[in-house]
Each structure stands twice: as C-alpha cells, then as structure tokens.
Amino acid sequence: MLRAGLLSSVILVAACAEEPDFDTRYEEAEASIAEKAEAIDAELAAPADRESGDGSDPKGSDKD
C-alpha cells in the first residue's frame, strides 16, 4: 500500500513538472497565431499579384 502511494505521488509530481508555465504557453500561442496570420496574408496577396503582376489586360481586349 505504501509503495502504491509513493508511486502515485512520484507520477503526479512528474506529470505536473512537465506542464509548461503561462509564459511558455503564451509564446507558443503567439508564434502559432503569427504563423497563421502570415499564411492568410500570403493567401490574400496571391490573387492581387496574379491580377497586377503579369502585365496582361484583365479585360482581355487587344491593344493592337
């Protein structure tokens, strides 16, 4: 019985020691949000680059 209590105490202490603190979780969340924001910005910029970047007339008319 004593071994079971000691073993469960050790397991609980080990489990709690691995939990990240607030600052670590905040930094991870901030990096994740920044990464997602950059991906969204790139996705939104891609259609604008295609429309204005190739120099073609978007209306399809010939200027000859």
N, C-alpha and C. Protein backbone atom coordinates (compact mmCIF):
# COMPACT_ATOMS: atom_id res chain seq x y z
N MET A 1 0.83 -1.18 0.00
CA MET A 1 0.00 0.00 0.00
C MET A 1 0.88 1.25 0.00
N LEU A 2 1.94 1.19 0.77
CA LEU A 2 2.87 2.32 0.84
C LEU A 2 3.55 2.54 -0.51
N ARG A 3 3.88 1.44 -1.18
CA ARG A 3 4.51 1.54 -2.49
C ARG A 3 3.56 2.19 -3.50
N ALA A 4 2.32 1.82 -3.45
CA ALA A 4 1.34 2.39 -4.38
C ALA A 4 1.18 3.89 -4.15
N GLY A 5 1.14 4.28 -2.90
CA GLY A 5 1.02 5.70 -2.58
C GLY A 5 2.25 6.47 -3.00
N LEU A 6 3.42 5.91 -2.78
CA LEU A 6 4.67 6.55 -3.17
C LEU A 6 4.78 6.64 -4.69
N LEU A 7 4.42 5.56 -5.35
CA LEU A 7 4.47 5.54 -6.81
C LEU A 7 3.51 6.56 -7.42
N SER A 8 2.30 6.64 -6.90
CA SER A 8 1.34 7.61 -7.44
C SER A 8 1.79 9.04 -7.16
N SER A 9 2.44 9.27 -6.03
CA SER A 9 2.97 10.61 -5.72
C SER A 9 4.06 11.00 -6.70
N VAL A 10 4.93 10.07 -7.00
CA VAL A 10 6.02 10.33 -7.94
C VAL A 10 5.45 10.61 -9.34
N ILE A 11 4.46 9.85 -9.74
CA ILE A 11 3.83 10.06 -11.04
C ILE A 11 3.16 11.42 -11.11
N LEU A 12 2.46 11.81 -10.07
CA LEU A 12 1.80 13.11 -10.05
C LEU A 12 2.80 14.26 -10.11
N VAL A 13 3.87 14.14 -9.37
CA VAL A 13 4.90 15.19 -9.38
C VAL A 13 5.55 15.28 -10.75
N ALA A 14 5.82 14.15 -11.37
CA ALA A 14 6.43 14.14 -12.69
C ALA A 14 5.48 14.74 -13.74
N ALA A 15 4.21 14.44 -13.63
CA ALA A 15 3.24 14.97 -14.58
C ALA A 15 3.10 16.47 -14.44
N CYS A 16 3.10 16.98 -13.24
CA CYS A 16 2.97 18.41 -13.02
C CYS A 16 4.23 19.16 -13.42
N ALA A 17 5.37 18.54 -13.31
CA ALA A 17 6.63 19.19 -13.66
C ALA A 17 6.74 19.42 -15.17
N GLU A 18 6.06 18.64 -15.97
CA GLU A 18 6.15 18.76 -17.42
C GLU A 18 5.20 19.80 -17.99
N GLU A 19 4.27 20.29 -17.22
CA GLU A 19 3.31 21.26 -17.72
C GLU A 19 4.00 22.61 -17.92
N PRO A 20 3.88 23.22 -19.11
CA PRO A 20 4.54 24.49 -19.35
C PRO A 20 3.87 25.62 -18.56
N ASP A 21 4.65 26.62 -18.22
CA ASP A 21 4.09 27.74 -17.48
C ASP A 21 3.37 28.69 -18.44
N PHE A 22 2.78 29.72 -17.90
CA PHE A 22 1.97 30.64 -18.70
C PHE A 22 2.79 31.30 -19.80
N ASP A 23 3.98 31.77 -19.45
CA ASP A 23 4.81 32.47 -20.44
C ASP A 23 5.17 31.57 -21.62
N THR A 24 5.48 30.33 -21.34
CA THR A 24 5.81 29.39 -22.41
C THR A 24 4.60 29.14 -23.30
N ARG A 25 3.44 28.91 -22.69
CA ARG A 25 2.22 28.71 -23.48
C ARG A 25 1.88 29.95 -24.29
N TYR A 26 2.08 31.14 -23.71
CA TYR A 26 1.78 32.40 -24.40
C TYR A 26 2.69 32.56 -25.62
N GLU A 27 3.98 32.30 -25.45
CA GLU A 27 4.92 32.43 -26.56
C GLU A 27 4.59 31.45 -27.68
N GLU A 28 4.21 30.23 -27.33
CA GLU A 28 3.84 29.24 -28.34
C GLU A 28 2.57 29.66 -29.08
N ALA A 29 1.59 30.17 -28.35
CA ALA A 29 0.35 30.62 -28.97
C ALA A 29 0.61 31.84 -29.86
N GLU A 30 1.45 32.75 -29.40
CA GLU A 30 1.78 33.94 -30.18
C GLU A 30 2.47 33.56 -31.49
N ALA A 31 3.40 32.62 -31.44
CA ALA A 31 4.09 32.17 -32.64
C ALA A 31 3.13 31.49 -33.60
N SER A 32 2.23 30.69 -33.07
CA SER A 32 1.25 29.99 -33.90
C SER A 32 0.30 30.99 -34.59
N ILE A 33 -0.14 31.97 -33.85
CA ILE A 33 -1.04 32.98 -34.42
C ILE A 33 -0.33 33.80 -35.48
N ALA A 34 0.93 34.17 -35.22
CA ALA A 34 1.70 34.94 -36.20
C ALA A 34 1.91 34.14 -37.48
N GLU A 35 2.17 32.84 -37.34
CA GLU A 35 2.36 31.98 -38.50
C GLU A 35 1.08 31.89 -39.32
N LYS A 36 -0.05 31.73 -38.65
CA LYS A 36 -1.34 31.66 -39.35
C LYS A 36 -1.66 32.99 -40.03
N ALA A 37 -1.34 34.11 -39.37
CA ALA A 37 -1.61 35.42 -39.95
C ALA A 37 -0.77 35.64 -41.21
N GLU A 38 0.49 35.21 -41.18
CA GLU A 38 1.34 35.33 -42.37
C GLU A 38 0.81 34.49 -43.51
N ALA A 39 0.31 33.29 -43.20
CA ALA A 39 -0.25 32.43 -44.24
C ALA A 39 -1.50 33.05 -44.85
N ILE A 40 -2.33 33.66 -44.02
CA ILE A 40 -3.54 34.32 -44.52
C ILE A 40 -3.17 35.52 -45.38
N ASP A 41 -2.19 36.32 -44.92
CA ASP A 41 -1.74 37.47 -45.70
C ASP A 41 -1.18 37.04 -47.04
N ALA A 42 -0.41 35.97 -47.07
CA ALA A 42 0.15 35.48 -48.33
C ALA A 42 -0.95 34.99 -49.26
N GLU A 43 -1.95 34.33 -48.69
CA GLU A 43 -3.06 33.83 -49.49
C GLU A 43 -3.87 34.98 -50.09
N LEU A 44 -4.06 36.03 -49.30
CA LEU A 44 -4.80 37.19 -49.79
C LEU A 44 -3.99 37.99 -50.80
N ALA A 45 -2.68 38.00 -50.66
CA ALA A 45 -1.83 38.76 -51.58
C ALA A 45 -1.66 38.04 -52.91
N ALA A 46 -1.78 36.73 -52.92
CA ALA A 46 -1.57 35.95 -54.14
C ALA A 46 -2.51 36.35 -55.27
N PRO A 47 -3.82 36.48 -55.08
CA PRO A 47 -4.69 36.90 -56.18
C PRO A 47 -4.35 38.30 -56.67
N ALA A 48 -3.98 39.21 -55.80
CA ALA A 48 -3.62 40.56 -56.21
C ALA A 48 -2.35 40.54 -57.05
N ASP A 49 -1.40 39.68 -56.73
CA ASP A 49 -0.17 39.56 -57.51
C ASP A 49 -0.47 39.01 -58.90
N ARG A 50 -1.39 38.07 -58.98
CA ARG A 50 -1.74 37.50 -60.29
C ARG A 50 -2.44 38.53 -61.16
N GLU A 51 -3.28 39.36 -60.56
CA GLU A 51 -4.02 40.34 -61.34
C GLU A 51 -3.14 41.47 -61.83
N SER A 52 -2.26 41.96 -60.99
CA SER A 52 -1.48 43.14 -61.36
C SER A 52 -0.04 42.83 -61.73
N GLY A 53 0.43 41.63 -61.47
CA GLY A 53 1.84 41.34 -61.64
C GLY A 53 2.24 40.86 -63.01
N ASP A 54 1.34 40.33 -63.83
CA ASP A 54 1.76 39.75 -65.11
C ASP A 54 1.69 40.74 -66.26
N GLY A 55 1.11 41.89 -66.06
CA GLY A 55 1.08 42.93 -67.09
C GLY A 55 0.03 42.72 -68.16
N SER A 56 -0.75 41.69 -68.08
CA SER A 56 -1.78 41.46 -69.09
C SER A 56 -3.01 42.29 -68.77
N ASP A 57 -3.81 42.50 -69.78
CA ASP A 57 -5.03 43.26 -69.62
C ASP A 57 -6.11 42.34 -69.04
N PRO A 58 -6.62 42.66 -67.83
CA PRO A 58 -7.59 41.76 -67.21
C PRO A 58 -8.92 41.67 -67.97
N LYS A 59 -9.21 42.66 -68.84
CA LYS A 59 -10.46 42.63 -69.60
C LYS A 59 -10.37 41.74 -70.83
N GLY A 60 -9.16 41.40 -71.24
CA GLY A 60 -8.99 40.51 -72.38
C GLY A 60 -9.04 41.23 -73.71
N SER A 61 -8.98 42.54 -73.73
CA SER A 61 -9.03 43.26 -75.01
C SER A 61 -7.64 43.38 -75.57
N ASP A 62 -7.58 43.41 -76.92
CA ASP A 62 -6.30 43.58 -77.61
C ASP A 62 -6.05 45.05 -77.84
N LYS A 63 -4.78 45.45 -77.68
CA LYS A 63 -4.43 46.87 -77.87
C LYS A 63 -3.76 47.10 -79.21
N ASP A 64 -3.84 46.16 -80.14
CA ASP A 64 -3.17 46.30 -81.44
C ASP A 64 -3.81 47.31 -82.29
